[in-house]
Structures are given as C-alpha cells and as structure tokens.
Amino acid sequence: MHLPTRFMLENRAWASEMELRDPRFFESLATGQQPDVFWIGCADSRVPAERITNAAPGELFVHRSIANLVLPNDNSIMSALQYAVEELKVGNVIVCGHDACGGVRGALMPALENEGRAATEDTNYLADRIRPLRDLYRRCRDEVDGAGNAEKDPPLRLARSVDRLVELNVAEQVRTLAKTRIVQKAWQRGHALRLHGWVYGLANGRLREVLSIDARQAVTEPA
C-alpha cells in the first residue's frame, strides 16, 4: 500500500477510536490549546516528541529542526518561543537532543565543512545550519574527542564523541534560551518558567536530564 494512503487510513482509524473513547475529545481540542510545555526537538524521524513522552494531543507545543538549535536570528524558533511563553504561558521549555544525532555528527566531519565552503551557486543550508555546532566543537574539542578515546574501534570512538557533543549542545541551547529577551522578560514579570535540557537515548528509549535552569540561575545579558 502506498505510504500516504496508509497514513490517511490510519488517521481515520485513530480518529474513530478517539471518538469512541471520548465523544467530546475533538470538540474540546477545537476550543483551544493550553499546553504547559514548549518542546524544542530535533527533526530526526526517530524522536517524535509525543510518542516518546506518551503525551496526549494538546500537552506539548512543539518546534523541531536540525540538531534542536536555538538561534536568536532564526525567526522560526524565536516566534515559536515568543508564542509559547507570552501567549500560551507555558511553565516549561524543554530542549531535547538525542544520541547519534546526524546534525551533531556532521559538525565533526570536515568533509561537510569543505562542501559548505565550495558551494557557490547553491546555498548549502545544512552546512550553514550546523555552523554553531562546529564552533561549539572547537571550543570543547578536548572534551568531545576525549569522550571516545577509550574506544579502540574508530566508529565507536566517533559515536562516543558525537554523544558527548549532543549533551554539550543541549546545554548550550538551554543557556542560549536563558539569555533571550523573551525568557528574561518572562522571569522579570515573575513568570515561573523553567528551562530543561534532555537527551533521548535511541538505544534504550530513555530520556536523561542534562541540566535545568530557572529564574534563580538566570543569565542577565540578553542575547
């Protein structure tokens, strides 16, 4: 069966099941949303936010992109953040990365950087996107490379380094969030907003916390 056709059939089956469980389910959703969590995740198809948290529709406000980067000059993520904090008034923002992230792995591969430099007629969007990851790697190179030093097998050594950079990247994005004017102003208003950094383990399906920040640990200089 053609995959889009299967998805349409699965949607009808799911909608019918939800109506049987709660005849007012969709009527309630149609009146508006009140999620308490803004989820910033990677676009990787293996890490669906609602599935790995067992969240119901309406519980997560989600933004996904390559390597879950929070870039202050990216209108997409910043507009979503503003809407989540100022309109939905979420109490939690979660940045969730995942082991074996392709975007993070690309930051460790010089070939991709060279391709980005060589691009002339066409923009290399991927290379541009992960440039902040390359900068982070340069700053933390000893720690990232050291994470894989105990492994003799080169692929496994690279995997360990990637996973360490994944953790460092999540922490970096949470700290970037804490510096944004949107979050800073929310804290100044007394909004009890908490920022979380998580990593999802593809090999075991478990989430692990990297760090958590609230107004008491706020960084005072807006990004």
C-alpha atoms as a PDB file:
ATOM      1  CA  MET A   1       0.000   0.000   0.000  1.00  0.00           C
ATOM      2  CA  HIS A   2       1.192   3.497  -0.893  1.00  0.00           C
ATOM      3  CA  LEU A   3       2.512   5.060   2.323  1.00  0.00           C
ATOM      4  CA  PRO A   4       0.464   8.313   2.218  1.00  0.00           C
ATOM      5  CA  THR A   5      -2.654   6.212   1.611  1.00  0.00           C
ATOM      6  CA  ARG A   6      -1.832   4.075   4.633  1.00  0.00           C
ATOM      7  CA  PHE A   7      -1.376   7.205   6.737  1.00  0.00           C
ATOM      8  CA  MET A   8      -4.807   8.503   5.687  1.00  0.00           C
ATOM      9  CA  LEU A   9      -6.431   5.189   6.621  1.00  0.00           C
ATOM     10  CA  GLU A  10      -4.567   5.088   9.928  1.00  0.00           C
ATOM     11  CA  ASN A  11      -5.765   8.622  10.646  1.00  0.00           C
ATOM     12  CA  ARG A  12      -9.400   7.623  10.147  1.00  0.00           C
ATOM     13  CA  ALA A  13      -8.964   4.608  12.387  1.00  0.00           C
ATOM     14  CA  TRP A  14      -7.281   6.734  15.080  1.00  0.00           C
ATOM     15  CA  ALA A  15      -9.954   9.451  14.920  1.00  0.00           C
ATOM     16  CA  SER A  16     -12.724   6.868  15.227  1.00  0.00           C
ATOM     17  CA  GLU A  17     -11.003   5.245  18.198  1.00  0.00           C
ATOM     18  CA  MET A  18     -10.584   8.586  19.975  1.00  0.00           C
ATOM     19  CA  GLU A  19     -14.252   9.425  19.429  1.00  0.00           C
ATOM     20  CA  LEU A  20     -15.274   6.086  20.910  1.00  0.00           C
ATOM     21  CA  ARG A  21     -13.131   6.722  23.979  1.00  0.00           C
ATOM     22  CA  ASP A  22     -14.350  10.302  24.430  1.00  0.00           C
ATOM     23  CA  PRO A  23     -17.137  11.649  22.178  1.00  0.00           C
ATOM     24  CA  ARG A  24     -16.129  15.229  23.114  1.00  0.00           C
ATOM     25  CA  PHE A  25     -12.389  14.775  22.567  1.00  0.00           C
ATOM     26  CA  PHE A  26     -12.081  16.695  19.287  1.00  0.00           C
ATOM     27  CA  GLU A  27     -14.697  19.244  20.323  1.00  0.00           C
ATOM     28  CA  SER A  28     -12.542  20.042  23.354  1.00  0.00           C
ATOM     29  CA  LEU A  29      -9.356  20.325  21.274  1.00  0.00           C
ATOM     30  CA  ALA A  30     -11.059  22.646  18.808  1.00  0.00           C
ATOM     31  CA  THR A  31     -11.764  25.227  21.516  1.00  0.00           C
ATOM     32  CA  GLY A  32      -8.044  25.969  22.009  1.00  0.00           C
ATOM     33  CA  GLN A  33      -4.787  24.704  23.440  1.00  0.00           C
ATOM     34  CA  GLN A  34      -3.282  25.057  26.899  1.00  0.00           C
ATOM     35  CA  PRO A  35      -0.001  23.122  26.870  1.00  0.00           C
ATOM     36  CA  ASP A  36       2.378  23.591  29.780  1.00  0.00           C
ATOM     37  CA  VAL A  37       5.457  22.547  27.794  1.00  0.00           C
ATOM     38  CA  PHE A  38       7.233  24.056  24.810  1.00  0.00           C
ATOM     39  CA  TRP A  39       9.306  21.259  23.292  1.00  0.00           C
ATOM     40  CA  ILE A  40      12.332  22.124  21.143  1.00  0.00           C
ATOM     41  CA  GLY A  41      13.478  18.923  19.489  1.00  0.00           C
ATOM     42  CA  CYS A  42      15.465  17.555  16.592  1.00  0.00           C
ATOM     43  CA  ALA A  43      13.711  16.880  13.286  1.00  0.00           C
ATOM     44  CA  ASP A  44      15.020  13.283  13.322  1.00  0.00           C
ATOM     45  CA  SER A  45      12.172  10.909  12.440  1.00  0.00           C
ATOM     46  CA  ARG A  46      13.129   8.551  15.268  1.00  0.00           C
ATOM     47  CA  VAL A  47      12.386  11.076  18.020  1.00  0.00           C
ATOM     48  CA  PRO A  48       8.674  12.001  17.914  1.00  0.00           C
ATOM     49  CA  ALA A  49       8.051  14.188  20.969  1.00  0.00           C
ATOM     50  CA  GLU A  50       4.530  12.995  21.753  1.00  0.00           C
ATOM     51  CA  ARG A  51       5.367   9.325  21.312  1.00  0.00           C
ATOM     52  CA  ILE A  52       8.481   9.199  23.498  1.00  0.00           C
ATOM     53  CA  THR A  53       6.771  11.137  26.308  1.00  0.00           C
ATOM     54  CA  ASN A  54       3.390   9.441  25.896  1.00  0.00           C
ATOM     55  CA  ALA A  55       1.846  12.914  25.725  1.00  0.00           C
ATOM     56  CA  ALA A  56      -1.732  13.455  24.620  1.00  0.00           C
ATOM     57  CA  PRO A  57      -2.723  15.979  21.930  1.00  0.00           C
ATOM     58  CA  GLY A  58      -2.686  19.432  23.480  1.00  0.00           C
ATOM     59  CA  GLU A  59       0.021  18.725  26.074  1.00  0.00           C
ATOM     60  CA  LEU A  60       3.088  19.756  24.040  1.00  0.00           C
ATOM     61  CA  PHE A  61       3.711  22.818  21.876  1.00  0.00           C
ATOM     62  CA  VAL A  62       6.448  21.550  19.547  1.00  0.00           C
ATOM     63  CA  HIS A  63       9.191  23.051  17.405  1.00  0.00           C
ATOM     64  CA  ARG A  64      11.603  20.696  15.620  1.00  0.00           C
ATOM     65  CA  SER A  65      14.645  21.406  13.474  1.00  0.00           C
ATOM     66  CA  ILE A  66      18.070  20.021  12.623  1.00  0.00           C
ATOM     67  CA  ALA A  67      20.021  19.381  15.854  1.00  0.00           C
ATOM     68  CA  ASN A  68      17.486  21.245  18.062  1.00  0.00           C
ATOM     69  CA  LEU A  69      19.394  24.514  17.756  1.00  0.00           C
ATOM     70  CA  VAL A  70      18.127  27.726  19.382  1.00  0.00           C
ATOM     71  CA  LEU A  71      19.418  30.515  17.150  1.00  0.00           C
ATOM     72  CA  PRO A  72      18.411  34.076  18.128  1.00  0.00           C
ATOM     73  CA  ASN A  73      18.478  35.119  14.450  1.00  0.00           C
ATOM     74  CA  ASP A  74      16.107  32.289  13.432  1.00  0.00           C
ATOM     75  CA  ASN A  75      12.604  33.757  13.171  1.00  0.00           C
ATOM     76  CA  SER A  76      11.015  30.318  13.216  1.00  0.00           C
ATOM     77  CA  ILE A  77      12.285  29.240  16.631  1.00  0.00           C
ATOM     78  CA  MET A  78      12.066  32.727  18.150  1.00  0.00           C
ATOM     79  CA  SER A  79       8.476  33.300  17.049  1.00  0.00           C
ATOM     80  CA  ALA A  80       7.507  29.886  18.434  1.00  0.00           C
ATOM     81  CA  LEU A  81       9.267  30.692  21.707  1.00  0.00           C
ATOM     82  CA  GLN A  82       7.502  34.033  21.950  1.00  0.00           C
ATOM     83  CA  TYR A  83       4.108  32.459  21.308  1.00  0.00           C
ATOM     84  CA  ALA A  84       4.740  29.680  23.811  1.00  0.00           C
ATOM     85  CA  VAL A  85       5.902  31.991  26.597  1.00  0.00           C
ATOM     86  CA  GLU A  86       3.804  35.113  26.059  1.00  0.00           C
ATOM     87  CA  GLU A  87       0.560  33.704  24.650  1.00  0.00           C
ATOM     88  CA  LEU A  88       0.358  30.116  25.879  1.00  0.00           C
ATOM     89  CA  LYS A  89       2.261  30.967  29.078  1.00  0.00           C
ATOM     90  CA  VAL A  90       3.921  27.578  29.297  1.00  0.00           C
ATOM     91  CA  GLY A  91       5.667  26.741  32.534  1.00  0.00           C
ATOM     92  CA  ASN A  92       8.424  24.632  30.984  1.00  0.00           C
ATOM     93  CA  VAL A  93      10.653  24.751  27.926  1.00  0.00           C
ATOM     94  CA  ILE A  94      12.441  21.510  27.084  1.00  0.00           C
ATOM     95  CA  VAL A  95      15.347  21.278  24.645  1.00  0.00           C
ATOM     96  CA  CYS A  96      15.662  17.621  23.705  1.00  0.00           C
ATOM     97  CA  GLY A  97      18.574  16.238  21.719  1.00  0.00           C
ATOM     98  CA  HIS A  98      19.264  12.585  21.007  1.00  0.00           C
ATOM     99  CA  ASP A  99      22.182  10.200  20.768  1.00  0.00           C
ATOM    100  CA  ALA A 100      23.669   9.612  17.310  1.00  0.00           C
ATOM    101  CA  CYS A 101      22.318  12.934  16.013  1.00  0.00           C
ATOM    102  CA  GLY A 102      23.169  13.357  12.341  1.00  0.00           C
ATOM    103  CA  GLY A 103      23.446  17.125  12.599  1.00  0.00           C
ATOM    104  CA  VAL A 104      25.849  16.877  15.512  1.00  0.00           C
ATOM    105  CA  ARG A 105      27.828  14.176  13.733  1.00  0.00           C
ATOM    106  CA  GLY A 106      28.108  16.453  10.703  1.00  0.00           C
ATOM    107  CA  ALA A 107      29.793  19.080  12.881  1.00  0.00           C
ATOM    108  CA  LEU A 108      32.613  16.612  13.469  1.00  0.00           C
ATOM    109  CA  MET A 109      33.059  15.785   9.779  1.00  0.00           C
ATOM    110  CA  PRO A 110      35.435  18.178   7.945  1.00  0.00           C
ATOM    111  CA  ALA A 111      34.169  16.986   4.561  1.00  0.00           C
ATOM    112  CA  LEU A 112      30.815  18.679   5.121  1.00  0.00           C
ATOM    113  CA  GLU A 113      32.502  21.930   6.096  1.00  0.00           C
ATOM    114  CA  ASN A 114      34.571  21.824   2.900  1.00  0.00           C
ATOM    115  CA  GLU A 115      31.406  21.239   0.875  1.00  0.00           C
ATOM    116  CA  GLY A 116      29.910  24.318   2.505  1.00  0.00           C
ATOM    117  CA  ARG A 117      32.912  26.419   1.531  1.00  0.00           C
ATOM    118  CA  ALA A 118      32.870  25.087  -2.006  1.00  0.00           C
ATOM    119  CA  ALA A 119      29.181  25.863  -2.563  1.00  0.00           C
ATOM    120  CA  THR A 120      28.877  28.790  -4.957  1.00  0.00           C
ATOM    121  CA  GLU A 121      25.676  28.737  -6.994  1.00  0.00           C
ATOM    122  CA  ASP A 122      23.566  26.842  -4.439  1.00  0.00           C
ATOM    123  CA  THR A 123      23.404  27.586  -0.737  1.00  0.00           C
ATOM    124  CA  ASN A 124      24.494  24.729   1.488  1.00  0.00           C
ATOM    125  CA  TYR A 125      21.721  25.110   4.052  1.00  0.00           C
ATOM    126  CA  LEU A 126      22.881  22.186   6.154  1.00  0.00           C
ATOM    127  CA  ALA A 127      26.437  23.481   6.479  1.00  0.00           C
ATOM    128  CA  ASP A 128      25.112  26.930   7.410  1.00  0.00           C
ATOM    129  CA  ARG A 129      22.726  25.450   9.941  1.00  0.00           C
ATOM    130  CA  ILE A 130      25.303  23.464  11.868  1.00  0.00           C
ATOM    131  CA  ARG A 131      27.992  26.156  11.880  1.00  0.00           C
ATOM    132  CA  PRO A 132      27.215  26.964  15.559  1.00  0.00           C
ATOM    133  CA  LEU A 133      27.795  23.286  16.323  1.00  0.00           C
ATOM    134  CA  ARG A 134      31.207  23.480  14.681  1.00  0.00           C
ATOM    135  CA  ASP A 135      32.028  26.485  16.844  1.00  0.00           C
ATOM    136  CA  LEU A 136      30.918  24.589  19.944  1.00  0.00           C
ATOM    137  CA  TYR A 137      33.072  21.632  18.937  1.00  0.00           C
ATOM    138  CA  ARG A 138      36.110  23.868  18.502  1.00  0.00           C
ATOM    139  CA  ARG A 139      35.601  25.295  21.994  1.00  0.00           C
ATOM    140  CA  CYS A 140      35.116  21.876  23.595  1.00  0.00           C
ATOM    141  CA  ARG A 141      37.275  19.759  21.302  1.00  0.00           C
ATOM    142  CA  ASP A 142      39.409  18.172  24.022  1.00  0.00           C
ATOM    143  CA  GLU A 143      36.344  17.088  25.989  1.00  0.00           C
ATOM    144  CA  VAL A 144      34.471  15.815  22.937  1.00  0.00           C
ATOM    145  CA  ASP A 145      37.412  13.906  21.469  1.00  0.00           C
ATOM    146  CA  GLY A 146      38.336  12.629  24.915  1.00  0.00           C
ATOM    147  CA  ALA A 147      34.905  11.018  25.309  1.00  0.00           C
ATOM    148  CA  GLY A 148      35.832   8.479  22.640  1.00  0.00           C
ATOM    149  CA  ASN A 149      39.496   7.946  23.486  1.00  0.00           C
ATOM    150  CA  ALA A 150      38.850   4.777  25.475  1.00  0.00           C
ATOM    151  CA  GLU A 151      37.384   3.056  22.405  1.00  0.00           C
ATOM    152  CA  LYS A 152      39.720   1.229  20.027  1.00  0.00           C
ATOM    153  CA  ASP A 153      37.165   0.850  17.263  1.00  0.00           C
ATOM    154  CA  PRO A 154      37.063   4.097  15.182  1.00  0.00           C
ATOM    155  CA  PRO A 155      33.281   4.054  14.537  1.00  0.00           C
ATOM    156  CA  LEU A 156      32.593   3.516  18.225  1.00  0.00           C
ATOM    157  CA  ARG A 157      35.095   6.229  19.136  1.00  0.00           C
ATOM    158  CA  LEU A 158      33.251   8.637  16.849  1.00  0.00           C
ATOM    159  CA  ALA A 159      29.884   7.596  18.297  1.00  0.00           C
ATOM    160  CA  ARG A 160      31.046   8.368  21.838  1.00  0.00           C
ATOM    161  CA  SER A 161      32.328  11.763  20.746  1.00  0.00           C
ATOM    162  CA  VAL A 162      29.075  12.533  18.939  1.00  0.00           C
ATOM    163  CA  ASP A 163      27.021  11.648  22.004  1.00  0.00           C
ATOM    164  CA  ARG A 164      29.141  13.888  24.205  1.00  0.00           C
ATOM    165  CA  LEU A 165      28.741  16.788  21.783  1.00  0.00           C
ATOM    166  CA  VAL A 166      24.998  16.094  21.781  1.00  0.00           C
ATOM    167  CA  GLU A 167      24.954  16.681  25.552  1.00  0.00           C
ATOM    168  CA  LEU A 168      27.085  19.791  25.312  1.00  0.00           C
ATOM    169  CA  ASN A 169      24.869  21.122  22.533  1.00  0.00           C
ATOM    170  CA  VAL A 170      21.712  20.635  24.585  1.00  0.00           C
ATOM    171  CA  ALA A 171      23.297  22.512  27.490  1.00  0.00           C
ATOM    172  CA  GLU A 172      24.406  25.286  25.120  1.00  0.00           C
ATOM    173  CA  GLN A 173      20.891  25.718  23.717  1.00  0.00           C
ATOM    174  CA  VAL A 174      19.345  25.913  27.192  1.00  0.00           C
ATOM    175  CA  ARG A 175      21.821  28.610  28.185  1.00  0.00           C
ATOM    176  CA  THR A 176      21.060  30.465  24.952  1.00  0.00           C
ATOM    177  CA  LEU A 177      17.368  30.332  25.799  1.00  0.00           C
ATOM    178  CA  ALA A 178      18.082  31.758  29.241  1.00  0.00           C
ATOM    179  CA  LYS A 179      19.733  34.802  27.627  1.00  0.00           C
ATOM    180  CA  THR A 180      16.918  35.624  25.201  1.00  0.00           C
ATOM    181  CA  ARG A 181      14.886  38.742  25.872  1.00  0.00           C
ATOM    182  CA  ILE A 182      11.717  36.666  25.748  1.00  0.00           C
ATOM    183  CA  VAL A 183      12.778  34.460  28.640  1.00  0.00           C
ATOM    184  CA  GLN A 184      14.480  37.296  30.519  1.00  0.00           C
ATOM    185  CA  LYS A 185      11.315  39.430  30.386  1.00  0.00           C
ATOM    186  CA  ALA A 186       9.177  36.461  31.459  1.00  0.00           C
ATOM    187  CA  TRP A 187      11.354  35.985  34.529  1.00  0.00           C
ATOM    188  CA  GLN A 188      11.252  39.705  35.281  1.00  0.00           C
ATOM    189  CA  ARG A 189       7.445  39.532  35.225  1.00  0.00           C
ATOM    190  CA  GLY A 190       7.571  36.745  37.796  1.00  0.00           C
ATOM    191  CA  HIS A 191       6.652  34.020  35.304  1.00  0.00           C
ATOM    192  CA  ALA A 192       7.700  30.723  36.895  1.00  0.00           C
ATOM    193  CA  LEU A 193       9.335  29.447  33.723  1.00  0.00           C
ATOM    194  CA  ARG A 194      11.806  26.591  33.926  1.00  0.00           C
ATOM    195  CA  LEU A 195      14.215  25.527  31.163  1.00  0.00           C
ATOM    196  CA  HIS A 196      15.267  21.901  30.786  1.00  0.00           C
ATOM    197  CA  GLY A 197      17.884  20.120  28.722  1.00  0.00           C
ATOM    198  CA  TRP A 198      17.246  16.443  27.950  1.00  0.00           C
ATOM    199  CA  VAL A 199      18.811  13.788  25.745  1.00  0.00           C
ATOM    200  CA  TYR A 200      16.907  10.824  24.301  1.00  0.00           C
ATOM    201  CA  GLY A 201      18.733   7.513  24.063  1.00  0.00           C
ATOM    202  CA  LEU A 202      17.941   5.806  20.764  1.00  0.00           C
ATOM    203  CA  ALA A 203      19.338   2.501  22.024  1.00  0.00           C
ATOM    204  CA  ASN A 204      17.068   2.256  25.063  1.00  0.00           C
ATOM    205  CA  GLY A 205      14.236   4.757  24.525  1.00  0.00           C
ATOM    206  CA  ARG A 206      15.028   6.587  27.778  1.00  0.00           C
ATOM    207  CA  LEU A 207      15.291  10.313  28.416  1.00  0.00           C
ATOM    208  CA  ARG A 208      18.055  11.691  30.621  1.00  0.00           C
ATOM    209  CA  GLU A 209      18.416  15.173  32.039  1.00  0.00           C
ATOM    210  CA  VAL A 210      21.475  17.291  31.251  1.00  0.00           C
ATOM    211  CA  LEU A 211      20.562  20.449  33.169  1.00  0.00           C
ATOM    212  CA  SER A 212      17.694  22.622  34.376  1.00  0.00           C
ATOM    213  CA  ILE A 213      17.561  26.412  34.827  1.00  0.00           C
ATOM    214  CA  ASP A 214      15.002  28.745  36.415  1.00  0.00           C
ATOM    215  CA  ALA A 215      14.938  32.462  37.230  1.00  0.00           C
ATOM    216  CA  ARG A 216      17.238  31.995  40.224  1.00  0.00           C
ATOM    217  CA  GLN A 217      20.031  30.882  37.866  1.00  0.00           C
ATOM    218  CA  ALA A 218      19.151  33.395  35.141  1.00  0.00           C
ATOM    219  CA  VAL A 219      21.815  34.937  32.934  1.00  0.00           C
ATOM    220  CA  THR A 220      21.351  38.681  32.928  1.00  0.00           C
ATOM    221  CA  GLU A 221      22.678  39.654  29.487  1.00  0.00           C
ATOM    222  CA  PRO A 222      20.010  39.134  26.766  1.00  0.00           C
ATOM    223  CA  ALA A 223      21.138  37.533  23.518  1.00  0.00           C
END
